[in-house]
């Protein structure tokens, strides 16, 4: 369910194949926070995708992130569900955190494959 939700959110940003590849590369433990939007130098998986789309590298504060999510059509309920499915369990378990990031990278591979089929 997390993987499906992540794909649904990422589709809303309409990232190019190159941006999807960059997102996949950035979905590693040291770059991703467990919790809402921004924590120190880390961004959550959705915020990382948004940063790539907005060409800002990383967001430093959470204030503008919520507004930008809405701009791209990401609903608050989707963010809350993501928080419950990813952030809360990841805070409690490093294994879950690593496994979830791997699942999200796999979701990005699937999005790239879908894009190739559409382009062909």
PDB file of N, CA and C in Angstrom:
ATOM      1  N   UNK A   1       0.819  -1.199   0.000  1.00  0.00           N
ATOM      2  CA  UNK A   1       0.000   0.000   0.000  1.00  0.00           C
ATOM      3  C   UNK A   1       0.864   1.264   0.000  1.00  0.00           C
ATOM      4  N   UNK A   2       1.973   1.264   0.758  1.00  0.00           N
ATOM      5  CA  UNK A   2       2.871   2.417   0.788  1.00  0.00           C
ATOM      6  C   UNK A   2       3.428   2.699  -0.608  1.00  0.00           C
ATOM      7  N   UNK A   3       3.849   1.649  -1.289  1.00  0.00           N
ATOM      8  CA  UNK A   3       4.424   1.807  -2.623  1.00  0.00           C
ATOM      9  C   UNK A   3       3.409   2.424  -3.580  1.00  0.00           C
ATOM     10  N   UNK A   4       2.180   1.950  -3.525  1.00  0.00           N
ATOM     11  CA  UNK A   4       1.114   2.479  -4.394  1.00  0.00           C
ATOM     12  C   UNK A   4       0.844   3.951  -4.092  1.00  0.00           C
ATOM     13  N   UNK A   5       0.783   4.285  -2.817  1.00  0.00           N
ATOM     14  CA  UNK A   5       0.544   5.673  -2.413  1.00  0.00           C
ATOM     15  C   UNK A   5       1.696   6.560  -2.868  1.00  0.00           C
ATOM     16  N   UNK A   6       2.923   6.082  -2.695  1.00  0.00           N
ATOM     17  CA  UNK A   6       4.079   6.864  -3.106  1.00  0.00           C
ATOM     18  C   UNK A   6       4.041   7.133  -4.612  1.00  0.00           C
ATOM     19  N   UNK A   7       3.746   6.111  -5.403  1.00  0.00           N
ATOM     20  CA  UNK A   7       3.640   6.296  -6.855  1.00  0.00           C
ATOM     21  C   UNK A   7       2.561   7.325  -7.194  1.00  0.00           C
ATOM     22  N   UNK A   8       1.454   7.243  -6.505  1.00  0.00           N
ATOM     23  CA  UNK A   8       0.348   8.178  -6.750  1.00  0.00           C
ATOM     24  C   UNK A   8       0.780   9.620  -6.478  1.00  0.00           C
ATOM     25  N   UNK A   9       1.495   9.824  -5.386  1.00  0.00           N
ATOM     26  CA  UNK A   9       1.961  11.172  -5.047  1.00  0.00           C
ATOM     27  C   UNK A   9       3.012  11.636  -6.052  1.00  0.00           C
ATOM     28  N   UNK A  10       3.971  10.793  -6.371  1.00  0.00           N
ATOM     29  CA  UNK A  10       5.053  11.162  -7.286  1.00  0.00           C
ATOM     30  C   UNK A  10       4.522  11.493  -8.673  1.00  0.00           C
ATOM     31  N   UNK A  11       3.518  10.773  -9.129  1.00  0.00           N
ATOM     32  CA  UNK A  11       2.919  11.073 -10.442  1.00  0.00           C
ATOM     33  C   UNK A  11       2.421  12.518 -10.512  1.00  0.00           C
ATOM     34  N   UNK A  12       1.951  13.041  -9.413  1.00  0.00           N
ATOM     35  CA  UNK A  12       1.396  14.395  -9.392  1.00  0.00           C
ATOM     36  C   UNK A  12       2.458  15.456  -9.690  1.00  0.00           C
ATOM     37  N   UNK A  13       3.724  15.146  -9.430  1.00  0.00           N
ATOM     38  CA  UNK A  13       4.798  16.099  -9.708  1.00  0.00           C
ATOM     39  C   UNK A  13       5.234  16.078 -11.170  1.00  0.00           C
ATOM     40  N   UNK A  14       4.785  15.063 -11.927  1.00  0.00           N
ATOM     41  CA  UNK A  14       5.090  14.967 -13.354  1.00  0.00           C
ATOM     42  C   UNK A  14       6.589  15.128 -13.614  1.00  0.00           C
ATOM     43  N   UNK A  15       7.383  14.309 -12.940  1.00  0.00           N
ATOM     44  CA  UNK A  15       8.830  14.357 -13.093  1.00  0.00           C
ATOM     45  C   UNK A  15       9.261  13.693 -14.390  1.00  0.00           C
ATOM     46  N   UNK A  16      10.300  14.229 -15.003  1.00  0.00           N
ATOM     47  CA  UNK A  16      10.872  13.619 -16.202  1.00  0.00           C
ATOM     48  C   UNK A  16      11.607  12.335 -15.805  1.00  0.00           C
ATOM     49  N   UNK A  17      12.028  11.547 -16.797  1.00  0.00           N
ATOM     50  CA  UNK A  17      12.796  10.333 -16.500  1.00  0.00           C
ATOM     51  C   UNK A  17      14.075  10.667 -15.754  1.00  0.00           C
ATOM     52  N   UNK A  18      14.750  11.727 -16.180  1.00  0.00           N
ATOM     53  CA  UNK A  18      15.980  12.147 -15.499  1.00  0.00           C
ATOM     54  C   UNK A  18      15.720  12.552 -14.058  1.00  0.00           C
ATOM     55  N   UNK A  19      14.621  13.255 -13.831  1.00  0.00           N
ATOM     56  CA  UNK A  19      14.268  13.660 -12.466  1.00  0.00           C
ATOM     57  C   UNK A  19      13.902  12.439 -11.624  1.00  0.00           C
ATOM     58  N   UNK A  20      13.221  11.474 -12.228  1.00  0.00           N
ATOM     59  CA  UNK A  20      12.893  10.238 -11.501  1.00  0.00           C
ATOM     60  C   UNK A  20      14.168   9.497 -11.110  1.00  0.00           C
ATOM     61  N   UNK A  21      15.128   9.446 -12.025  1.00  0.00           N
ATOM     62  CA  UNK A  21      16.403   8.785 -11.705  1.00  0.00           C
ATOM     63  C   UNK A  21      17.123   9.510 -10.567  1.00  0.00           C
ATOM     64  N   UNK A  22      17.114  10.839 -10.606  1.00  0.00           N
ATOM     65  CA  UNK A  22      17.722  11.615  -9.532  1.00  0.00           C
ATOM     66  C   UNK A  22      17.031  11.334  -8.199  1.00  0.00           C
ATOM     67  N   UNK A  23      15.698  11.270  -8.236  1.00  0.00           N
ATOM     68  CA  UNK A  23      14.946  10.966  -7.022  1.00  0.00           C
ATOM     69  C   UNK A  23      15.346   9.605  -6.474  1.00  0.00           C
ATOM     70  N   UNK A  24      15.434   8.626  -7.343  1.00  0.00           N
ATOM     71  CA  UNK A  24      15.825   7.284  -6.901  1.00  0.00           C
ATOM     72  C   UNK A  24      17.195   7.316  -6.237  1.00  0.00           C
ATOM     73  N   UNK A  25      18.132   8.040  -6.835  1.00  0.00           N
ATOM     74  CA  UNK A  25      19.481   8.141  -6.267  1.00  0.00           C
ATOM     75  C   UNK A  25      19.496   8.834  -4.906  1.00  0.00           C
ATOM     76  N   UNK A  26      18.575   9.757  -4.712  1.00  0.00           N
ATOM     77  CA  UNK A  26      18.553  10.521  -3.457  1.00  0.00           C
ATOM     78  C   UNK A  26      17.767   9.831  -2.341  1.00  0.00           C
ATOM     79  N   UNK A  27      17.032   8.762  -2.671  1.00  0.00           N
ATOM     80  CA  UNK A  27      16.264   8.044  -1.646  1.00  0.00           C
ATOM     81  C   UNK A  27      17.161   7.049  -0.898  1.00  0.00           C
ATOM     82  N   UNK A  28      18.110   7.606  -0.172  1.00  0.00           N
ATOM     83  CA  UNK A  28      19.013   6.814   0.655  1.00  0.00           C
ATOM     84  C   UNK A  28      18.919   7.333   2.086  1.00  0.00           C
ATOM     85  N   UNK A  29      19.255   6.481   3.013  1.00  0.00           N
ATOM     86  CA  UNK A  29      19.045   6.762   4.441  1.00  0.00           C
ATOM     87  C   UNK A  29      19.575   8.118   4.890  1.00  0.00           C
ATOM     88  N   UNK A  30      20.770   8.470   4.461  1.00  0.00           N
ATOM     89  CA  UNK A  30      21.365   9.716   4.963  1.00  0.00           C
ATOM     90  C   UNK A  30      20.671  10.980   4.453  1.00  0.00           C
ATOM     91  N   UNK A  31      19.888  10.864   3.383  1.00  0.00           N
ATOM     92  CA  UNK A  31      19.185  12.029   2.822  1.00  0.00           C
ATOM     93  C   UNK A  31      17.743  12.169   3.307  1.00  0.00           C
ATOM     94  N   UNK A  32      17.163  11.105   3.834  1.00  0.00           N
ATOM     95  CA  UNK A  32      15.725  11.064   4.101  1.00  0.00           C
ATOM     96  C   UNK A  32      15.440  11.128   5.601  1.00  0.00           C
ATOM     97  N   UNK A  33      14.497  11.989   5.947  1.00  0.00           N
ATOM     98  CA  UNK A  33      14.095  12.078   7.352  1.00  0.00           C
ATOM     99  C   UNK A  33      12.843  11.238   7.599  1.00  0.00           C
ATOM    100  N   UNK A  34      12.665  10.903   8.843  1.00  0.00           N
ATOM    101  CA  UNK A  34      11.464  10.203   9.297  1.00  0.00           C
ATOM    102  C   UNK A  34      10.619  11.265   9.982  1.00  0.00           C
ATOM    103  N   UNK A  35       9.597  11.683   9.342  1.00  0.00           N
ATOM    104  CA  UNK A  35       8.761  12.734   9.902  1.00  0.00           C
ATOM    105  C   UNK A  35       8.393  13.742   8.829  1.00  0.00           C
ATOM    106  N   UNK A  36       7.679  14.750   9.223  1.00  0.00           N
ATOM    107  CA  UNK A  36       7.129  15.677   8.237  1.00  0.00           C
ATOM    108  C   UNK A  36       8.171  16.537   7.533  1.00  0.00           C
ATOM    109  N   UNK A  37       8.108  16.565   6.236  1.00  0.00           N
ATOM    110  CA  UNK A  37       8.780  17.480   5.308  1.00  0.00           C
ATOM    111  C   UNK A  37      10.284  17.651   5.472  1.00  0.00           C
ATOM    112  N   UNK A  38      10.734  18.379   6.502  1.00  0.00           N
ATOM    113  CA  UNK A  38      12.160  18.737   6.636  1.00  0.00           C
ATOM    114  C   UNK A  38      12.610  18.508   8.076  1.00  0.00           C
ATOM    115  N   UNK A  39      13.770  17.898   8.193  1.00  0.00           N
ATOM    116  CA  UNK A  39      14.384  17.749   9.520  1.00  0.00           C
ATOM    117  C   UNK A  39      15.891  17.943   9.335  1.00  0.00           C
ATOM    118  N   UNK A  40      16.368  19.103   9.745  1.00  0.00           N
ATOM    119  CA  UNK A  40      17.786  19.432   9.557  1.00  0.00           C
ATOM    120  C   UNK A  40      18.123  19.505   8.081  1.00  0.00           C
ATOM    121  N   UNK A  41      19.105  18.726   7.664  1.00  0.00           N
ATOM    122  CA  UNK A  41      19.519  18.688   6.260  1.00  0.00           C
ATOM    123  C   UNK A  41      18.773  17.617   5.458  1.00  0.00           C
ATOM    124  N   UNK A  42      17.844  16.921   6.104  1.00  0.00           N
ATOM    125  CA  UNK A  42      17.125  15.835   5.442  1.00  0.00           C
ATOM    126  C   UNK A  42      15.714  16.268   5.056  1.00  0.00           C
ATOM    127  N   UNK A  43      15.230  15.704   3.947  1.00  0.00           N
ATOM    128  CA  UNK A  43      13.856  15.910   3.498  1.00  0.00           C
ATOM    129  C   UNK A  43      13.153  14.562   3.486  1.00  0.00           C
ATOM    130  N   UNK A  44      11.825  14.555   3.658  1.00  0.00           N
ATOM    131  CA  UNK A  44      11.069  13.306   3.564  1.00  0.00           C
ATOM    132  C   UNK A  44      11.041  12.869   2.090  1.00  0.00           C
ATOM    133  N   UNK A  45      10.645  11.645   1.787  1.00  0.00           N
ATOM    134  CA  UNK A  45      10.634  11.184   0.399  1.00  0.00           C
ATOM    135  C   UNK A  45       9.795  12.065  -0.534  1.00  0.00           C
ATOM    136  N   UNK A  46       8.635  12.514  -0.078  1.00  0.00           N
ATOM    137  CA  UNK A  46       7.788  13.361  -0.924  1.00  0.00           C
ATOM    138  C   UNK A  46       8.404  14.743  -1.120  1.00  0.00           C
ATOM    139  N   UNK A  47       8.988  15.288  -0.078  1.00  0.00           N
ATOM    140  CA  UNK A  47       9.627  16.595  -0.151  1.00  0.00           C
ATOM    141  C   UNK A  47      10.853  16.539  -1.056  1.00  0.00           C
ATOM    142  N   UNK A  48      11.548  15.414  -1.060  1.00  0.00           N
ATOM    143  CA  UNK A  48      12.697  15.235  -1.946  1.00  0.00           C
ATOM    144  C   UNK A  48      12.247  15.325  -3.398  1.00  0.00           C
ATOM    145  N   UNK A  49      11.143  14.668  -3.734  1.00  0.00           N
ATOM    146  CA  UNK A  49      10.610  14.739  -5.094  1.00  0.00           C
ATOM    147  C   UNK A  49      10.205  16.171  -5.445  1.00  0.00           C
ATOM    148  N   UNK A  50       9.579  16.841  -4.515  1.00  0.00           N
ATOM    149  CA  UNK A  50       9.156  18.224  -4.722  1.00  0.00           C
ATOM    150  C   UNK A  50      10.369  19.131  -4.921  1.00  0.00           C
ATOM    151  N   UNK A  51      11.429  18.922  -4.160  1.00  0.00           N
ATOM    152  CA  UNK A  51      12.649  19.723  -4.298  1.00  0.00           C
ATOM    153  C   UNK A  51      13.257  19.543  -5.685  1.00  0.00           C
ATOM    154  N   UNK A  52      13.235  18.327  -6.190  1.00  0.00           N
ATOM    155  CA  UNK A  52      13.739  18.072  -7.535  1.00  0.00           C
ATOM    156  C   UNK A  52      12.876  18.794  -8.562  1.00  0.00           C
ATOM    157  N   UNK A  53      11.573  18.699  -8.420  1.00  0.00           N
ATOM    158  CA  UNK A  53      10.659  19.365  -9.349  1.00  0.00           C
ATOM    159  C   UNK A  53      10.855  20.878  -9.335  1.00  0.00           C
ATOM    160  N   UNK A  54      11.012  21.438  -8.146  1.00  0.00           N
ATOM    161  CA  UNK A  54      11.156  22.892  -7.983  1.00  0.00           C
ATOM    162  C   UNK A  54      12.597  23.370  -8.171  1.00  0.00           C
ATOM    163  N   UNK A  55      13.518  22.432  -8.398  1.00  0.00           N
ATOM    164  CA  UNK A  55      14.928  22.754  -8.634  1.00  0.00           C
ATOM    165  C   UNK A  55      15.551  23.562  -7.490  1.00  0.00           C
ATOM    166  N   UNK A  56      15.269  23.122  -6.260  1.00  0.00           N
ATOM    167  CA  UNK A  56      15.828  23.812  -5.089  1.00  0.00           C
ATOM    168  C   UNK A  56      16.879  22.977  -4.357  1.00  0.00           C
ATOM    169  N   UNK A  57      17.201  21.816  -4.844  1.00  0.00           N
ATOM    170  CA  UNK A  57      18.155  20.955  -4.145  1.00  0.00           C
ATOM    171  C   UNK A  57      17.506  20.285  -2.958  1.00  0.00           C
ATOM    172  N   UNK A  58      17.428  21.022  -1.854  1.00  0.00           N
ATOM    173  CA  UNK A  58      16.739  20.551  -0.652  1.00  0.00           C
ATOM    174  C   UNK A  58      15.987  21.724  -0.056  1.00  0.00           C
ATOM    175  N   UNK A  59      14.875  21.423   0.568  1.00  0.00           N
ATOM    176  CA  UNK A  59      14.180  22.449   1.332  1.00  0.00           C
ATOM    177  C   UNK A  59      14.840  22.543   2.701  1.00  0.00           C
ATOM    178  N   UNK A  60      14.933  23.742   3.224  1.00  0.00           N
ATOM    179  CA  UNK A  60      15.557  23.967   4.531  1.00  0.00           C
ATOM    180  C   UNK A  60      14.520  24.114   5.641  1.00  0.00           C
ATOM    181  N   UNK A  61      13.313  24.575   5.285  1.00  0.00           N
ATOM    182  CA  UNK A  61      12.228  24.742   6.255  1.00  0.00           C
ATOM    183  C   UNK A  61      10.945  24.177   5.662  1.00  0.00           C
ATOM    184  N   UNK A  62      10.058  23.744   6.524  1.00  0.00           N
ATOM    185  CA  UNK A  62       8.822  23.084   6.087  1.00  0.00           C
ATOM    186  C   UNK A  62       7.723  24.041   5.628  1.00  0.00           C
ATOM    187  N   UNK A  63       7.826  25.313   5.976  1.00  0.00           N
ATOM    188  CA  UNK A  63       6.730  26.253   5.759  1.00  0.00           C
ATOM    189  C   UNK A  63       6.161  26.240   4.341  1.00  0.00           C
ATOM    190  N   UNK A  64       7.010  26.354   3.334  1.00  0.00           N
ATOM    191  CA  UNK A  64       6.501  26.451   1.968  1.00  0.00           C
ATOM    192  C   UNK A  64       6.160  25.096   1.348  1.00  0.00           C
ATOM    193  N   UNK A  65       6.647  24.024   1.937  1.00  0.00           N
ATOM    194  CA  UNK A  65       6.454  22.694   1.362  1.00  0.00           C
ATOM    195  C   UNK A  65       4.973  22.328   1.271  1.00  0.00           C
ATOM    196  N   UNK A  66       4.235  22.535   2.347  1.00  0.00           N
ATOM    197  CA  UNK A  66       2.810  22.194   2.347  1.00  0.00           C
ATOM    198  C   UNK A  66       2.040  22.915   1.258  1.00  0.00           C
ATOM    199  N   UNK A  67       2.329  24.192   1.066  1.00  0.00           N
ATOM    200  CA  UNK A  67       1.652  24.970   0.018  1.00  0.00           C
ATOM    201  C   UNK A  67       2.000  24.438  -1.369  1.00  0.00           C
ATOM    202  N   UNK A  68       3.261  24.080  -1.565  1.00  0.00           N
ATOM    203  CA  UNK A  68       3.666  23.546  -2.866  1.00  0.00           C
ATOM    204  C   UNK A  68       3.047  22.176  -3.123  1.00  0.00           C
ATOM    205  N   UNK A  69       2.914  21.374  -2.078  1.00  0.00           N
ATOM    206  CA  UNK A  69       2.253  20.068  -2.247  1.00  0.00           C
ATOM    207  C   UNK A  69       0.830  20.272  -2.769  1.00  0.00           C
ATOM    208  N   UNK A  70       0.129  21.214  -2.185  1.00  0.00           N
ATOM    209  CA  UNK A  70      -1.239  21.523  -2.615  1.00  0.00           C
ATOM    210  C   UNK A  70      -1.236  22.013  -4.062  1.00  0.00           C
ATOM    211  N   UNK A  71      -0.264  22.839  -4.413  1.00  0.00           N
ATOM    212  CA  UNK A  71      -0.141  23.359  -5.785  1.00  0.00           C
ATOM    213  C   UNK A  71      -0.096  22.220  -6.798  1.00  0.00           C
ATOM    214  N   UNK A  72       0.584  21.136  -6.461  1.00  0.00           N
ATOM    215  CA  UNK A  72       0.711  19.999  -7.365  1.00  0.00           C
ATOM    216  C   UNK A  72      -0.418  18.977  -7.199  1.00  0.00           C
ATOM    217  N   UNK A  73      -1.376  19.273  -6.353  1.00  0.00           N
ATOM    218  CA  UNK A  73      -2.536  18.400  -6.217  1.00  0.00           C
ATOM    219  C   UNK A  73      -2.407  17.292  -5.192  1.00  0.00           C
ATOM    220  N   UNK A  74      -1.384  17.359  -4.354  1.00  0.00           N
ATOM    221  CA  UNK A  74      -1.238  16.356  -3.287  1.00  0.00           C
ATOM    222  C   UNK A  74      -2.151  16.770  -2.135  1.00  0.00           C
ATOM    223  N   UNK A  75      -3.079  15.899  -1.829  1.00  0.00           N
ATOM    224  CA  UNK A  75      -4.058  16.221  -0.779  1.00  0.00           C
ATOM    225  C   UNK A  75      -3.486  15.934   0.606  1.00  0.00           C
ATOM    226  N   UNK A  76      -3.981  16.678   1.565  1.00  0.00           N
ATOM    227  CA  UNK A  76      -3.518  16.499   2.951  1.00  0.00           C
ATOM    228  C   UNK A  76      -3.762  15.075   3.443  1.00  0.00           C
ATOM    229  N   UNK A  77      -4.869  14.478   3.051  1.00  0.00           N
ATOM    230  CA  UNK A  77      -5.165  13.112   3.492  1.00  0.00           C
ATOM    231  C   UNK A  77      -4.099  12.141   2.979  1.00  0.00           C
ATOM    232  N   UNK A  78      -3.618  12.372   1.756  1.00  0.00           N
ATOM    233  CA  UNK A  78      -2.552  11.521   1.220  1.00  0.00           C
ATOM    234  C   UNK A  78      -1.279  11.662   2.054  1.00  0.00           C
ATOM    235  N   UNK A  79      -0.982  12.894   2.453  1.00  0.00           N
ATOM    236  CA  UNK A  79       0.209  13.121   3.278  1.00  0.00           C
ATOM    237  C   UNK A  79       0.051  12.490   4.654  1.00  0.00           C
ATOM    238  N   UNK A  80      -1.138  12.565   5.230  1.00  0.00           N
ATOM    239  CA  UNK A  80      -1.380  11.938   6.538  1.00  0.00           C
ATOM    240  C   UNK A  80      -1.272  10.417   6.449  1.00  0.00           C
ATOM    241  N   UNK A  81      -1.835   9.857   5.400  1.00  0.00           N
ATOM    242  CA  UNK A  81      -1.743   8.399   5.229  1.00  0.00           C
ATOM    243  C   UNK A  81      -0.286   7.990   5.048  1.00  0.00           C
ATOM    244  N   UNK A  82       0.452   8.762   4.248  1.00  0.00           N
ATOM    245  CA  UNK A  82       1.874   8.477   4.065  1.00  0.00           C
ATOM    246  C   UNK A  82       2.601   8.539   5.412  1.00  0.00           C
ATOM    247  N   UNK A  83       2.263   9.539   6.215  1.00  0.00           N
ATOM    248  CA  UNK A  83       2.880   9.692   7.537  1.00  0.00           C
ATOM    249  C   UNK A  83       2.614   8.450   8.402  1.00  0.00           C
ATOM    250  N   UNK A  84       1.398   7.968   8.363  1.00  0.00           N
ATOM    251  CA  UNK A  84       1.029   6.793   9.165  1.00  0.00           C
ATOM    252  C   UNK A  84       1.698   5.523   8.623  1.00  0.00           C
ATOM    253  N   UNK A  85       1.780   5.388   7.294  1.00  0.00           N
ATOM    254  CA  UNK A  85       2.337   4.171   6.697  1.00  0.00           C
ATOM    255  C   UNK A  85       3.864   4.146   6.662  1.00  0.00           C
ATOM    256  N   UNK A  86       4.489   5.315   6.575  1.00  0.00           N
ATOM    257  CA  UNK A  86       5.945   5.347   6.477  1.00  0.00           C
ATOM    258  C   UNK A  86       6.612   5.928   7.718  1.00  0.00           C
ATOM    259  N   UNK A  87       6.293   7.154   8.044  1.00  0.00           N
ATOM    260  CA  UNK A  87       7.041   7.861   9.076  1.00  0.00           C
ATOM    261  C   UNK A  87       6.945   7.214  10.449  1.00  0.00           C
ATOM    262  N   UNK A  88       5.754   6.952  10.910  1.00  0.00           N
ATOM    263  CA  UNK A  88       5.608   6.383  12.261  1.00  0.00           C
ATOM    264  C   UNK A  88       6.328   5.040  12.393  1.00  0.00           C
ATOM    265  N   UNK A  89       6.109   4.081  11.473  1.00  0.00           N
ATOM    266  CA  UNK A  89       6.845   2.819  11.599  1.00  0.00           C
ATOM    267  C   UNK A  89       8.359   2.991  11.428  1.00  0.00           C
ATOM    268  N   UNK A  90       8.777   3.916  10.549  1.00  0.00           N
ATOM    269  CA  UNK A  90      10.206   4.132  10.316  1.00  0.00           C
ATOM    270  C   UNK A  90      10.886   4.701  11.551  1.00  0.00           C
ATOM    271  N   UNK A  91      10.166   5.516  12.304  1.00  0.00           N
ATOM    272  CA  UNK A  91      10.720   6.061  13.545  1.00  0.00           C
ATOM    273  C   UNK A  91      11.008   4.929  14.529  1.00  0.00           C
ATOM    274  N   UNK A  92      10.172   3.907  14.503  1.00  0.00           N
ATOM    275  CA  UNK A  92      10.302   2.799  15.448  1.00  0.00           C
ATOM    276  C   UNK A  92      11.258   1.701  14.984  1.00  0.00           C
ATOM    277  N   UNK A  93      11.490   1.598  13.668  1.00  0.00           N
ATOM    278  CA  UNK A  93      12.279   0.476  13.164  1.00  0.00           C
ATOM    279  C   UNK A  93      13.180   0.896  12.003  1.00  0.00           C
ATOM    280  N   UNK A  94      14.498   0.765  12.210  1.00  0.00           N
ATOM    281  CA  UNK A  94      15.463   1.060  11.136  1.00  0.00           C
ATOM    282  C   UNK A  94      15.279   0.092   9.968  1.00  0.00           C
ATOM    283  N   UNK A  95      14.973  -1.162  10.269  1.00  0.00           N
ATOM    284  CA  UNK A  95      14.750  -2.151   9.210  1.00  0.00           C
ATOM    285  C   UNK A  95      13.575  -1.760   8.334  1.00  0.00           C
ATOM    286  N   UNK A  96      12.489  -1.325   8.957  1.00  0.00           N
ATOM    287  CA  UNK A  96      11.322  -0.881   8.195  1.00  0.00           C
ATOM    288  C   UNK A  96      11.684   0.332   7.342  1.00  0.00           C
ATOM    289  N   UNK A  97      12.444   1.251   7.909  1.00  0.00           N
ATOM    290  CA  UNK A  97      12.874   2.445   7.194  1.00  0.00           C
ATOM    291  C   UNK A  97      13.641   2.060   5.933  1.00  0.00           C
ATOM    292  N   UNK A  98      14.637   1.199   6.056  1.00  0.00           N
ATOM    293  CA  UNK A  98      15.442   0.774   4.905  1.00  0.00           C
ATOM    294  C   UNK A  98      14.590   0.032   3.870  1.00  0.00           C
ATOM    295  N   UNK A  99      13.723  -0.864   4.355  1.00  0.00           N
ATOM    296  CA  UNK A  99      12.871  -1.633   3.450  1.00  0.00           C
ATOM    297  C   UNK A  99      11.889  -0.721   2.704  1.00  0.00           C
ATOM    298  N   UNK A 100      11.372   0.276   3.384  1.00  0.00           N
ATOM    299  CA  UNK A 100      10.435   1.211   2.753  1.00  0.00           C
ATOM    300  C   UNK A 100      11.126   2.054   1.687  1.00  0.00           C
ATOM    301  N   UNK A 101      12.347   2.497   1.971  1.00  0.00           N
ATOM    302  CA  UNK A 101      13.084   3.262   0.960  1.00  0.00           C
ATOM    303  C   UNK A 101      13.364   2.402  -0.273  1.00  0.00           C
ATOM    304  N   UNK A 102      13.688   1.137  -0.053  1.00  0.00           N
ATOM    305  CA  UNK A 102      13.905   0.220  -1.178  1.00  0.00           C
ATOM    306  C   UNK A 102      12.613   0.064  -1.982  1.00  0.00           C
ATOM    307  N   UNK A 103      11.493  -0.032  -1.304  1.00  0.00           N
ATOM    308  CA  UNK A 103      10.201  -0.153  -1.976  1.00  0.00           C
ATOM    309  C   UNK A 103       9.894   1.102  -2.795  1.00  0.00           C
ATOM    310  N   UNK A 104      10.245   2.272  -2.260  1.00  0.00           N
ATOM    311  CA  UNK A 104      10.015   3.527  -2.992  1.00  0.00           C
ATOM    312  C   UNK A 104      10.929   3.625  -4.210  1.00  0.00           C
ATOM    313  N   UNK A 105      12.174   3.164  -4.087  1.00  0.00           N
ATOM    314  CA  UNK A 105      13.063   3.148  -5.258  1.00  0.00           C
ATOM    315  C   UNK A 105      12.505   2.213  -6.317  1.00  0.00           C
ATOM    316  N   UNK A 106      11.940   1.089  -5.889  1.00  0.00           N
ATOM    317  CA  UNK A 106      11.305   0.163  -6.816  1.00  0.00           C
ATOM    318  C   UNK A 106      10.104   0.814  -7.498  1.00  0.00           C
ATOM    319  N   UNK A 107       9.341   1.582  -6.761  1.00  0.00           N
ATOM    320  CA  UNK A 107       8.191   2.297  -7.332  1.00  0.00           C
ATOM    321  C   UNK A 107       8.645   3.272  -8.412  1.00  0.00           C
ATOM    322  N   UNK A 108       9.778   3.910  -8.182  1.00  0.00           N
ATOM    323  CA  UNK A 108      10.309   4.838  -9.184  1.00  0.00           C
ATOM    324  C   UNK A 108      10.726   4.080 -10.438  1.00  0.00           C
ATOM    325  N   UNK A 109      11.352   2.915 -10.267  1.00  0.00           N
ATOM    326  CA  UNK A 109      11.681   2.079 -11.431  1.00  0.00           C
ATOM    327  C   UNK A 109      10.422   1.759 -12.232  1.00  0.00           C
ATOM    328  N   UNK A 110       9.355   1.431 -11.537  1.00  0.00           N
ATOM    329  CA  UNK A 110       8.087   1.134 -12.223  1.00  0.00           C
ATOM    330  C   UNK A 110       7.561   2.355 -12.967  1.00  0.00           C
ATOM    331  N   UNK A 111       7.681   3.536 -12.375  1.00  0.00           N
ATOM    332  CA  UNK A 111       7.237   4.758 -13.054  1.00  0.00           C
ATOM    333  C   UNK A 111       8.068   5.026 -14.305  1.00  0.00           C
ATOM    334  N   UNK A 112       9.364   4.765 -14.231  1.00  0.00           N
ATOM    335  CA  UNK A 112      10.230   4.938 -15.408  1.00  0.00           C
ATOM    336  C   UNK A 112       9.822   3.957 -16.494  1.00  0.00           C
ATOM    337  N   UNK A 113       9.531   2.713 -16.118  1.00  0.00           N
ATOM    338  CA  UNK A 113       9.090   1.706 -17.091  1.00  0.00           C
ATOM    339  C   UNK A 113       7.761   2.109 -17.737  1.00  0.00           C
ATOM    340  N   UNK A 114       6.848   2.617 -16.938  1.00  0.00           N
ATOM    341  CA  UNK A 114       5.561   3.076 -17.468  1.00  0.00           C
ATOM    342  C   UNK A 114       5.773   4.200 -18.472  1.00  0.00           C
ATOM    343  N   UNK A 115       6.693   5.105 -18.172  1.00  0.00           N
ATOM    344  CA  UNK A 115       7.000   6.219 -19.062  1.00  0.00           C
ATOM    345  C   UNK A 115       7.563   5.710 -20.384  1.00  0.00           C
ATOM    346  N   UNK A 116       8.406   4.703 -20.307  1.00  0.00           N
ATOM    347  CA  UNK A 116       8.987   4.123 -21.552  1.00  0.00           C
ATOM    348  C   UNK A 116       7.889   3.530 -22.420  1.00  0.00           C
ATOM    349  N   UNK A 117       6.928   2.837 -21.805  1.00  0.00           N
ATOM    350  CA  UNK A 117       5.824   2.243 -22.574  1.00  0.00           C
ATOM    351  C   UNK A 117       4.985   3.312 -23.254  1.00  0.00           C
ATOM    352  N   UNK A 118       4.764   4.426 -22.550  1.00  0.00           N
ATOM    353  CA  UNK A 118       3.974   5.517 -23.122  1.00  0.00           C
ATOM    354  C   UNK A 118       4.716   6.168 -24.275  1.00  0.00           C
ATOM    355  N   UNK A 119       6.047   6.311 -24.148  1.00  0.00           N
ATOM    356  CA  UNK A 119       6.867   6.956 -25.169  1.00  0.00           C
ATOM    357  C   UNK A 119       7.008   6.102 -26.422  1.00  0.00           C
ATOM    358  N   UNK A 120       6.906   4.807 -26.265  1.00  0.00           N
ATOM    359  CA  UNK A 120       7.122   3.886 -27.410  1.00  0.00           C
ATOM    360  C   UNK A 120       5.977   3.853 -28.373  1.00  0.00           C
TER     361      UNK A 120
END
